[in-house]
Protein backbone atom coordinates (compact mmCIF):
# COMPACT_ATOMS: atom_id res chain seq x y z
CA MET A 1 -123.60 16.35 -81.33
CA SER A 2 -119.89 16.96 -81.14
CA ALA A 3 -118.21 20.24 -81.97
CA GLU A 4 -117.08 18.89 -85.34
CA ASN A 5 -120.69 18.37 -86.47
CA GLN A 6 -121.83 21.90 -85.68
CA GLY A 7 -122.28 24.64 -88.27
CA GLY A 8 -119.42 26.46 -89.89
CA THR A 9 -116.63 25.62 -92.25
CA PHE A 10 -113.21 24.48 -91.14
CA TRP A 11 -111.78 27.98 -91.58
CA VAL A 12 -114.52 29.65 -89.56
CA LYS A 13 -114.11 27.13 -86.74
CA THR A 14 -110.35 27.62 -86.79
CA LEU A 15 -110.76 31.40 -86.76
CA ALA A 16 -113.17 31.17 -83.81
CA LYS A 17 -110.75 28.99 -81.85
CA GLY A 18 -107.87 31.32 -82.70
CA ALA A 19 -109.82 34.43 -81.72
CA SER A 20 -110.88 32.75 -78.48
CA THR A 21 -107.29 31.76 -77.73
CA VAL A 22 -106.05 35.32 -78.30
CA GLY A 23 -108.97 36.73 -76.29
CA ALA A 24 -108.32 34.39 -73.37
CA ALA A 25 -104.59 35.17 -73.39
CA THR A 26 -105.43 38.89 -73.45
CA ALA A 27 -107.78 38.42 -70.49
CA ALA A 28 -105.13 36.56 -68.50
CA ILE A 29 -102.39 39.11 -69.22
CA CYS A 30 -104.63 42.09 -68.51
CA GLY A 31 -105.84 40.32 -65.39
CA LEU A 32 -102.26 40.26 -64.13
CA ALA A 33 -102.02 44.00 -64.73
CA ALA A 34 -105.39 44.61 -63.05
CA ALA A 35 -104.32 42.61 -59.99
CA ILE A 36 -101.57 45.18 -59.37
CA SER A 37 -103.91 47.76 -57.89
CA PHE A 38 -104.84 49.49 -54.66
CA SER A 39 -108.55 48.74 -55.00
CA GLY A 40 -109.84 45.46 -53.59
CA LYS A 41 -112.45 45.11 -56.32
CA CYS A 42 -109.87 45.55 -59.06
CA ILE A 43 -107.55 43.02 -57.45
CA ALA A 44 -110.44 40.54 -57.26
CA MET A 45 -111.37 41.18 -60.90
CA GLY A 46 -107.72 40.77 -61.91
CA VAL A 47 -107.61 37.35 -60.25
CA TYR A 48 -110.99 36.57 -61.89
CA LEU A 49 -109.64 37.45 -65.35
CA VAL A 50 -106.47 35.43 -64.88
CA PHE A 51 -108.40 32.39 -63.63
CA PHE A 52 -111.01 32.35 -66.37
CA GLY A 53 -108.49 33.35 -69.03
CA VAL A 54 -106.44 30.25 -68.21
CA ILE A 55 -109.58 28.06 -68.05
CA ILE A 56 -110.69 29.26 -71.49
CA LEU A 57 -107.17 28.68 -72.81
CA MET A 58 -107.39 25.13 -71.49
CA PHE A 59 -110.61 24.55 -73.45
CA GLU A 60 -109.61 26.39 -76.63
CA ALA A 61 -105.90 25.56 -76.93
CA THR A 62 -105.92 22.06 -75.47
CA PHE A 63 -102.57 21.21 -77.04
CA CYS A 64 -100.88 23.64 -74.64
CA PHE A 65 -102.03 21.64 -71.62
CA MET A 66 -101.47 18.06 -72.75
CA PHE A 67 -98.58 17.70 -70.32
CA LEU A 68 -101.05 17.94 -67.41
CA ASP A 69 -102.96 14.89 -66.24
CA ILE A 70 -106.24 16.71 -66.79
CA GLY A 71 -105.37 17.68 -70.39
CA LYS A 72 -106.97 14.64 -72.04
CA TRP A 73 -110.15 15.05 -70.01
CA ILE A 74 -110.39 18.73 -70.95
CA GLU A 75 -109.95 17.89 -74.64
CA GLU A 76 -112.81 15.36 -74.49
CA LYS A 77 -115.12 17.78 -72.66
CA SER A 78 -114.22 20.59 -75.03
CA LYS A 79 -115.51 18.57 -77.98
CA ILE A 80 -118.85 17.90 -76.25
CA ILE A 81 -119.71 21.53 -75.44
CA ARG A 82 -121.85 23.15 -78.13
CA ASN A 83 -121.07 26.53 -79.68
CA TRP A 84 -124.12 28.28 -78.25
CA GLN A 85 -123.19 27.06 -74.76
CA LYS A 86 -119.67 28.43 -75.13
CA MET A 87 -121.09 31.71 -76.42
CA ILE A 88 -123.37 32.18 -73.40
CA VAL A 89 -120.65 31.26 -70.89
CA TYR A 90 -118.05 33.54 -72.49
CA PHE A 91 -120.49 36.46 -72.68
CA GLY A 92 -121.45 35.89 -69.05
CA LEU A 93 -117.84 35.78 -67.91
CA SER A 94 -117.11 39.12 -69.57
CA ILE A 95 -119.72 41.08 -67.59
CA PRO A 96 -118.37 41.24 -63.96
CA PRO A 97 -115.09 43.07 -64.73
CA PHE A 98 -117.08 45.83 -66.46
CA ILE A 99 -119.31 46.22 -63.40
CA PHE A 100 -116.85 45.97 -60.53
CA CYS A 101 -113.65 47.55 -61.81
CA GLY A 102 -113.33 50.52 -64.16
CA GLY A 103 -109.61 50.15 -64.73
CA ILE A 104 -108.37 50.09 -68.31
CA SER A 105 -106.60 46.74 -67.94
CA SER A 106 -109.73 45.18 -66.47
CA ILE A 107 -111.88 46.52 -69.30
CA ILE A 108 -109.44 45.33 -71.99
CA GLY A 109 -109.28 41.90 -70.36
CA SER A 110 -113.06 41.76 -70.25
CA LEU A 111 -113.16 42.69 -73.93
CA GLY A 112 -110.87 39.72 -74.56
CA LEU A 113 -113.50 37.44 -73.00
CA LEU A 114 -116.16 39.22 -75.04
CA VAL A 115 -114.20 38.43 -78.23
CA CYS A 116 -114.36 34.75 -77.24
CA GLY A 117 -118.13 34.96 -76.99
CA MET A 118 -118.47 36.89 -80.24
CA SER A 119 -116.39 34.36 -82.15
CA TYR A 120 -118.71 31.59 -81.05
CA MET A 121 -121.73 33.76 -81.78
CA VAL A 122 -120.63 33.77 -85.43
CA LEU A 123 -120.52 29.97 -85.38
CA THR A 124 -123.89 29.77 -83.63
CA ILE A 125 -125.65 32.03 -86.12
CA GLY A 126 -124.14 30.14 -89.04
CA PRO A 127 -124.23 30.94 -92.73
CA LYS A 128 -126.86 33.26 -94.17
CA GLY A 129 -128.00 30.72 -96.71
CA SER A 130 -127.09 29.50 -100.13
CA GLY A 131 -128.02 31.09 -103.41
CA SER A 132 -130.59 28.41 -104.14
CA THR A 133 -132.67 29.20 -101.05
CA ASN A 134 -133.18 32.91 -101.64
CA ASP A 135 -135.57 34.23 -104.27
CA SER A 136 -133.21 36.81 -105.79
CA SER A 137 -132.59 34.55 -108.78
CA VAL A 138 -136.32 34.23 -109.52
CA PRO A 139 -137.76 36.90 -111.84
CA TYR A 140 -140.00 39.49 -110.19
CA GLU A 141 -143.11 38.50 -112.16
CA ARG A 142 -142.85 34.87 -111.04
CA GLN A 143 -142.59 36.01 -107.44
CA LEU A 144 -145.82 37.99 -107.83
CA ASP A 145 -147.55 34.98 -109.41
CA ASN A 146 -146.71 32.91 -106.32
CA LEU A 147 -148.40 35.47 -104.07
CA THR A 148 -151.80 35.47 -105.78
CA PRO A 149 -154.39 33.08 -104.32
CA ALA A 150 -155.30 30.08 -106.42
């Protein structure tokens, strides 16, 4: 199943990709700020945020990296990965900066990665349902009649 066949309308998919792009860019920029530190853990988490921010940008905004030889390959792989897989990876990537570095730039960068995961969580959960599937349009008496044993 390719990414185009997964749940969500065009606008929701576009919003998720846009939110992930902004979140990844935020992670990369805040990672640069976190790398300018005196603590070894914060420097490591800054490099971590920059690295994974750029990787997520490569998967979410593939048009920015088409000039690289690997750009076409990344675009093909990006279409294969399912939304729930992206959600789990992005949530997992956002945890280490919270644990290892308490700096504000590290936390904001980690929140950027968390936004990526949350945007794909919306796509994974999908729509609540249509009006025809819920019983709110059925009168209350008919609902009670369906509950009584035959």
